Amino acid sequence: MVIDTRCGHILHSAETYDDLKNHHPYKAWMEKNIRHLMPFENLPDDQISSCELDDVQLEAYQKQFDYSREELDQVIHVLGENGQEATGSIGDDTPFAVLSSRPRIIYDYSRQ
């Protein structure tokens, strides 16, 4: 539910989605920017071990999106090497971002 205090309107989910879809060309953005992954076996030899980012850029993105060494080693590495998601516990006992004394990334503040 969205409450537009400027216009005095209350929009429910379907109206909100329709409004967003009508004002932003999400489908066009997706079609323009989608990237398909190719299986490693199908890569041409000159693309194996190539990387579009240098080490400084990669580290900056990892910091920006809060990738820890543990997550890189136990989740990303396993996913890339074995093609399977890492298993973990079902529970999440992480404190709410708003109550944390540590810096948190913005999407930690919107949690179900």
N, C-alpha and C. Protein backbone atom coordinates (compact mmCIF):
# COMPACT_ATOMS: atom_id res chain seq x y z
N MET A 1 0.85 -1.17 0.00
CA MET A 1 0.00 0.00 0.00
C MET A 1 0.90 1.24 0.00
N VAL A 2 0.52 2.19 -0.82
CA VAL A 2 1.26 3.46 -0.91
C VAL A 2 0.29 4.58 -0.59
N ILE A 3 0.71 5.49 0.24
CA ILE A 3 -0.11 6.65 0.56
C ILE A 3 0.58 7.88 -0.01
N ASP A 4 -0.09 8.50 -0.97
CA ASP A 4 0.42 9.71 -1.60
C ASP A 4 -0.15 10.90 -0.84
N THR A 5 0.65 11.47 0.05
CA THR A 5 0.17 12.57 0.89
C THR A 5 0.01 13.87 0.10
N ARG A 6 0.71 14.00 -1.00
CA ARG A 6 0.60 15.21 -1.81
C ARG A 6 -0.76 15.29 -2.51
N CYS A 7 -1.17 14.14 -3.10
CA CYS A 7 -2.42 14.12 -3.85
C CYS A 7 -3.59 13.59 -3.02
N GLY A 8 -3.29 13.03 -1.84
CA GLY A 8 -4.34 12.50 -1.00
C GLY A 8 -4.92 11.19 -1.50
N HIS A 9 -4.08 10.36 -2.13
CA HIS A 9 -4.53 9.08 -2.68
C HIS A 9 -3.94 7.93 -1.90
N ILE A 10 -4.68 6.85 -1.85
CA ILE A 10 -4.17 5.60 -1.31
C ILE A 10 -4.14 4.61 -2.47
N LEU A 11 -2.96 4.07 -2.77
CA LEU A 11 -2.81 3.11 -3.86
C LEU A 11 -2.54 1.73 -3.29
N HIS A 12 -3.26 0.76 -3.79
CA HIS A 12 -3.03 -0.62 -3.37
C HIS A 12 -2.00 -1.26 -4.30
N SER A 13 -1.58 -2.46 -4.00
CA SER A 13 -0.47 -3.11 -4.72
C SER A 13 -0.62 -3.08 -6.23
N ALA A 14 -1.75 -3.51 -6.76
CA ALA A 14 -1.93 -3.58 -8.21
C ALA A 14 -1.79 -2.19 -8.84
N GLU A 15 -2.37 -1.17 -8.20
CA GLU A 15 -2.27 0.19 -8.72
C GLU A 15 -0.83 0.70 -8.67
N THR A 16 -0.12 0.35 -7.62
CA THR A 16 1.28 0.76 -7.48
C THR A 16 2.12 0.12 -8.58
N TYR A 17 1.95 -1.18 -8.80
CA TYR A 17 2.70 -1.89 -9.84
C TYR A 17 2.39 -1.30 -11.21
N ASP A 18 1.12 -1.06 -11.49
CA ASP A 18 0.74 -0.49 -12.78
C ASP A 18 1.37 0.88 -12.97
N ASP A 19 1.35 1.70 -11.93
CA ASP A 19 1.94 3.03 -12.00
C ASP A 19 3.43 2.95 -12.30
N LEU A 20 4.13 2.07 -11.60
CA LEU A 20 5.57 1.91 -11.83
C LEU A 20 5.86 1.40 -13.24
N LYS A 21 5.08 0.42 -13.69
CA LYS A 21 5.28 -0.13 -15.04
C LYS A 21 5.03 0.91 -16.12
N ASN A 22 4.06 1.79 -15.89
CA ASN A 22 3.73 2.80 -16.90
C ASN A 22 4.75 3.93 -16.95
N HIS A 23 5.44 4.19 -15.84
CA HIS A 23 6.38 5.31 -15.78
C HIS A 23 7.84 4.92 -16.06
N HIS A 24 8.14 3.64 -16.02
CA HIS A 24 9.53 3.20 -16.22
C HIS A 24 9.56 2.03 -17.20
N PRO A 25 10.43 2.09 -18.19
CA PRO A 25 10.48 1.02 -19.20
C PRO A 25 11.32 -0.18 -18.75
N TYR A 26 10.87 -0.87 -17.68
CA TYR A 26 11.64 -1.97 -17.13
C TYR A 26 11.93 -3.05 -18.17
N LYS A 27 10.94 -3.41 -18.97
CA LYS A 27 11.12 -4.46 -19.97
C LYS A 27 12.20 -4.06 -20.98
N ALA A 28 12.17 -2.83 -21.44
CA ALA A 28 13.18 -2.35 -22.39
C ALA A 28 14.56 -2.35 -21.74
N TRP A 29 14.62 -1.92 -20.47
CA TRP A 29 15.91 -1.93 -19.76
C TRP A 29 16.45 -3.35 -19.65
N MET A 30 15.58 -4.29 -19.32
CA MET A 30 16.02 -5.69 -19.20
C MET A 30 16.53 -6.22 -20.54
N GLU A 31 15.76 -5.98 -21.60
CA GLU A 31 16.16 -6.48 -22.92
C GLU A 31 17.48 -5.87 -23.37
N LYS A 32 17.70 -4.62 -23.02
CA LYS A 32 18.93 -3.93 -23.42
C LYS A 32 20.14 -4.39 -22.60
N ASN A 33 19.93 -4.67 -21.31
CA ASN A 33 21.06 -4.90 -20.42
C ASN A 33 21.26 -6.33 -19.94
N ILE A 34 20.40 -7.25 -20.35
CA ILE A 34 20.53 -8.62 -19.86
C ILE A 34 21.81 -9.25 -20.41
N ARG A 35 22.42 -10.06 -19.58
CA ARG A 35 23.64 -10.76 -19.99
C ARG A 35 23.43 -12.23 -19.70
N HIS A 36 23.64 -13.05 -20.69
CA HIS A 36 23.48 -14.48 -20.52
C HIS A 36 24.83 -15.11 -20.22
N LEU A 37 24.85 -16.00 -19.26
CA LEU A 37 26.08 -16.69 -18.91
C LEU A 37 26.27 -17.89 -19.83
N MET A 38 27.50 -18.12 -20.20
CA MET A 38 27.83 -19.24 -21.06
C MET A 38 28.53 -20.30 -20.23
N PRO A 39 28.17 -21.57 -20.41
CA PRO A 39 28.89 -22.62 -19.67
C PRO A 39 30.39 -22.54 -19.95
N PHE A 40 31.18 -22.81 -18.95
CA PHE A 40 32.64 -22.72 -19.06
C PHE A 40 33.17 -23.53 -20.23
N GLU A 41 32.57 -24.70 -20.45
CA GLU A 41 33.05 -25.58 -21.52
C GLU A 41 32.87 -24.96 -22.91
N ASN A 42 31.93 -24.03 -23.04
CA ASN A 42 31.65 -23.42 -24.34
C ASN A 42 32.42 -22.12 -24.58
N LEU A 43 33.19 -21.67 -23.59
CA LEU A 43 33.95 -20.43 -23.75
C LEU A 43 35.08 -20.61 -24.75
N PRO A 44 35.29 -19.62 -25.62
CA PRO A 44 36.47 -19.66 -26.49
C PRO A 44 37.74 -19.56 -25.64
N ASP A 45 38.82 -20.18 -26.11
CA ASP A 45 40.07 -20.21 -25.35
C ASP A 45 40.57 -18.83 -24.95
N ASP A 46 40.36 -17.81 -25.81
CA ASP A 46 40.88 -16.49 -25.49
C ASP A 46 40.08 -15.78 -24.39
N GLN A 47 38.92 -16.32 -24.00
CA GLN A 47 38.13 -15.71 -22.94
C GLN A 47 38.29 -16.41 -21.59
N ILE A 48 38.94 -17.53 -21.58
CA ILE A 48 39.14 -18.24 -20.32
C ILE A 48 40.14 -17.45 -19.48
N SER A 49 39.80 -17.24 -18.23
CA SER A 49 40.60 -16.48 -17.26
C SER A 49 40.62 -14.99 -17.53
N SER A 50 39.73 -14.50 -18.40
CA SER A 50 39.68 -13.06 -18.61
C SER A 50 38.69 -12.45 -17.63
N CYS A 51 38.93 -11.21 -17.27
CA CYS A 51 38.07 -10.52 -16.32
C CYS A 51 37.92 -9.08 -16.78
N GLU A 52 36.69 -8.56 -16.74
CA GLU A 52 36.44 -7.20 -17.19
C GLU A 52 36.89 -6.16 -16.15
N LEU A 53 37.04 -6.57 -14.89
CA LEU A 53 37.41 -5.64 -13.84
C LEU A 53 38.84 -5.90 -13.38
N ASP A 54 39.56 -4.83 -13.08
CA ASP A 54 40.87 -5.03 -12.46
C ASP A 54 40.66 -5.27 -10.96
N ASP A 55 41.71 -5.64 -10.26
CA ASP A 55 41.60 -5.99 -8.83
C ASP A 55 41.06 -4.84 -7.98
N VAL A 56 41.44 -3.61 -8.30
CA VAL A 56 40.99 -2.45 -7.52
C VAL A 56 39.48 -2.26 -7.70
N GLN A 57 38.99 -2.35 -8.95
CA GLN A 57 37.56 -2.20 -9.21
C GLN A 57 36.77 -3.31 -8.54
N LEU A 58 37.26 -4.54 -8.66
CA LEU A 58 36.57 -5.68 -8.06
C LEU A 58 36.47 -5.52 -6.55
N GLU A 59 37.55 -5.13 -5.92
CA GLU A 59 37.54 -4.94 -4.46
C GLU A 59 36.58 -3.82 -4.06
N ALA A 60 36.52 -2.76 -4.85
CA ALA A 60 35.60 -1.65 -4.56
C ALA A 60 34.15 -2.13 -4.62
N TYR A 61 33.81 -2.91 -5.64
CA TYR A 61 32.44 -3.45 -5.74
C TYR A 61 32.14 -4.41 -4.60
N GLN A 62 33.11 -5.22 -4.22
CA GLN A 62 32.89 -6.15 -3.12
C GLN A 62 32.64 -5.39 -1.81
N LYS A 63 33.36 -4.31 -1.59
CA LYS A 63 33.12 -3.49 -0.39
C LYS A 63 31.77 -2.80 -0.47
N GLN A 64 31.45 -2.28 -1.64
CA GLN A 64 30.20 -1.55 -1.83
C GLN A 64 28.99 -2.44 -1.55
N PHE A 65 29.06 -3.71 -1.96
CA PHE A 65 27.94 -4.62 -1.77
C PHE A 65 28.15 -5.54 -0.57
N ASP A 66 29.13 -5.20 0.27
CA ASP A 66 29.34 -5.84 1.56
C ASP A 66 29.61 -7.35 1.48
N TYR A 67 30.44 -7.75 0.54
CA TYR A 67 30.85 -9.16 0.46
C TYR A 67 32.00 -9.38 1.44
N SER A 68 31.82 -10.26 2.39
CA SER A 68 32.87 -10.57 3.34
C SER A 68 33.75 -11.67 2.77
N ARG A 69 34.93 -11.84 3.34
CA ARG A 69 35.82 -12.92 2.92
C ARG A 69 35.13 -14.28 3.10
N GLU A 70 34.40 -14.41 4.21
CA GLU A 70 33.68 -15.65 4.49
C GLU A 70 32.64 -15.93 3.40
N GLU A 71 31.89 -14.92 3.00
CA GLU A 71 30.87 -15.12 1.95
C GLU A 71 31.51 -15.46 0.61
N LEU A 72 32.61 -14.79 0.30
CA LEU A 72 33.32 -15.09 -0.96
C LEU A 72 33.81 -16.53 -0.97
N ASP A 73 34.41 -16.98 0.15
CA ASP A 73 34.97 -18.33 0.21
C ASP A 73 33.91 -19.42 0.31
N GLN A 74 32.87 -19.19 1.11
CA GLN A 74 31.92 -20.26 1.40
C GLN A 74 30.68 -20.24 0.52
N VAL A 75 30.40 -19.13 -0.14
CA VAL A 75 29.20 -19.06 -0.97
C VAL A 75 29.57 -18.89 -2.44
N ILE A 76 30.24 -17.79 -2.76
CA ILE A 76 30.54 -17.48 -4.16
C ILE A 76 31.49 -18.51 -4.77
N HIS A 77 32.53 -18.87 -4.04
CA HIS A 77 33.51 -19.85 -4.54
C HIS A 77 32.84 -21.19 -4.81
N VAL A 78 32.03 -21.65 -3.88
CA VAL A 78 31.33 -22.93 -4.03
C VAL A 78 30.38 -22.88 -5.22
N LEU A 79 29.66 -21.77 -5.37
CA LEU A 79 28.74 -21.61 -6.48
C LEU A 79 29.48 -21.64 -7.82
N GLY A 80 30.59 -20.91 -7.90
CA GLY A 80 31.35 -20.86 -9.15
C GLY A 80 32.06 -22.15 -9.47
N GLU A 81 32.62 -22.80 -8.47
CA GLU A 81 33.41 -24.00 -8.71
C GLU A 81 32.55 -25.24 -8.93
N ASN A 82 31.49 -25.39 -8.14
CA ASN A 82 30.68 -26.60 -8.20
C ASN A 82 29.33 -26.41 -8.86
N GLY A 83 28.94 -25.16 -9.11
CA GLY A 83 27.65 -24.89 -9.71
C GLY A 83 26.49 -25.19 -8.79
N GLN A 84 26.73 -25.15 -7.49
CA GLN A 84 25.65 -25.41 -6.53
C GLN A 84 25.68 -24.36 -5.44
N GLU A 85 24.51 -24.11 -4.91
CA GLU A 85 24.43 -23.14 -3.82
C GLU A 85 24.94 -23.75 -2.54
N ALA A 86 25.62 -22.95 -1.76
CA ALA A 86 26.13 -23.42 -0.48
C ALA A 86 24.95 -23.64 0.46
N THR A 87 25.06 -24.62 1.30
CA THR A 87 24.00 -24.87 2.27
C THR A 87 24.33 -24.17 3.58
N GLY A 88 23.31 -23.75 4.26
CA GLY A 88 23.51 -23.07 5.54
C GLY A 88 22.31 -23.33 6.43
N SER A 89 22.31 -22.69 7.57
CA SER A 89 21.21 -22.89 8.50
C SER A 89 19.98 -22.12 8.04
N ILE A 90 18.84 -22.58 8.48
CA ILE A 90 17.58 -21.93 8.12
C ILE A 90 17.39 -20.64 8.91
N GLY A 91 17.78 -20.61 10.14
CA GLY A 91 17.56 -19.45 10.99
C GLY A 91 18.42 -18.27 10.61
N ASP A 92 17.93 -17.10 10.91
CA ASP A 92 18.68 -15.87 10.70
C ASP A 92 18.59 -15.08 11.99
N ASP A 93 19.68 -15.08 12.74
CA ASP A 93 19.66 -14.38 14.02
C ASP A 93 20.39 -13.05 13.95
N THR A 94 20.54 -12.51 12.73
CA THR A 94 21.17 -11.22 12.56
C THR A 94 20.27 -10.14 13.15
N PRO A 95 20.82 -9.23 13.94
CA PRO A 95 19.97 -8.18 14.50
C PRO A 95 19.45 -7.26 13.38
N PHE A 96 18.32 -6.64 13.62
CA PHE A 96 17.80 -5.68 12.66
C PHE A 96 18.83 -4.59 12.43
N ALA A 97 18.97 -4.15 11.18
CA ALA A 97 19.98 -3.14 10.83
C ALA A 97 19.82 -1.87 11.65
N VAL A 98 18.59 -1.47 11.88
CA VAL A 98 18.34 -0.23 12.61
C VAL A 98 18.84 -0.31 14.06
N LEU A 99 18.96 -1.52 14.60
CA LEU A 99 19.43 -1.69 15.97
C LEU A 99 20.92 -2.01 16.06
N SER A 100 21.56 -2.21 14.91
CA SER A 100 22.96 -2.60 14.89
C SER A 100 23.88 -1.40 15.13
N SER A 101 24.97 -1.64 15.83
CA SER A 101 25.96 -0.58 16.03
C SER A 101 27.01 -0.58 14.91
N ARG A 102 26.94 -1.60 14.04
CA ARG A 102 27.89 -1.69 12.92
C ARG A 102 27.29 -1.08 11.66
N PRO A 103 28.14 -0.58 10.75
CA PRO A 103 27.61 -0.04 9.49
C PRO A 103 26.91 -1.15 8.71
N ARG A 104 25.79 -0.85 8.12
CA ARG A 104 25.02 -1.83 7.34
C ARG A 104 24.70 -1.23 5.98
N ILE A 105 24.57 -2.10 4.97
CA ILE A 105 24.21 -1.63 3.63
C ILE A 105 22.71 -1.36 3.58
N ILE A 106 22.31 -0.54 2.63
CA ILE A 106 20.96 -0.01 2.61
C ILE A 106 19.89 -1.09 2.54
N TYR A 107 20.10 -2.17 1.77
CA TYR A 107 19.02 -3.14 1.66
C TYR A 107 18.88 -4.02 2.90
N ASP A 108 19.78 -3.92 3.86
CA ASP A 108 19.59 -4.61 5.15
C ASP A 108 18.46 -4.00 5.96
N TYR A 109 18.10 -2.75 5.63
CA TYR A 109 17.06 -2.06 6.38
C TYR A 109 15.65 -2.46 5.94
N SER A 110 15.52 -3.14 4.83
CA SER A 110 14.20 -3.61 4.37
C SER A 110 14.22 -5.13 4.40
N ARG A 111 13.76 -5.69 5.48
CA ARG A 111 13.84 -7.13 5.70
C ARG A 111 12.49 -7.63 6.18
N GLN A 112 12.13 -8.82 5.70
CA GLN A 112 10.84 -9.40 6.10
C GLN A 112 11.00 -10.11 7.42
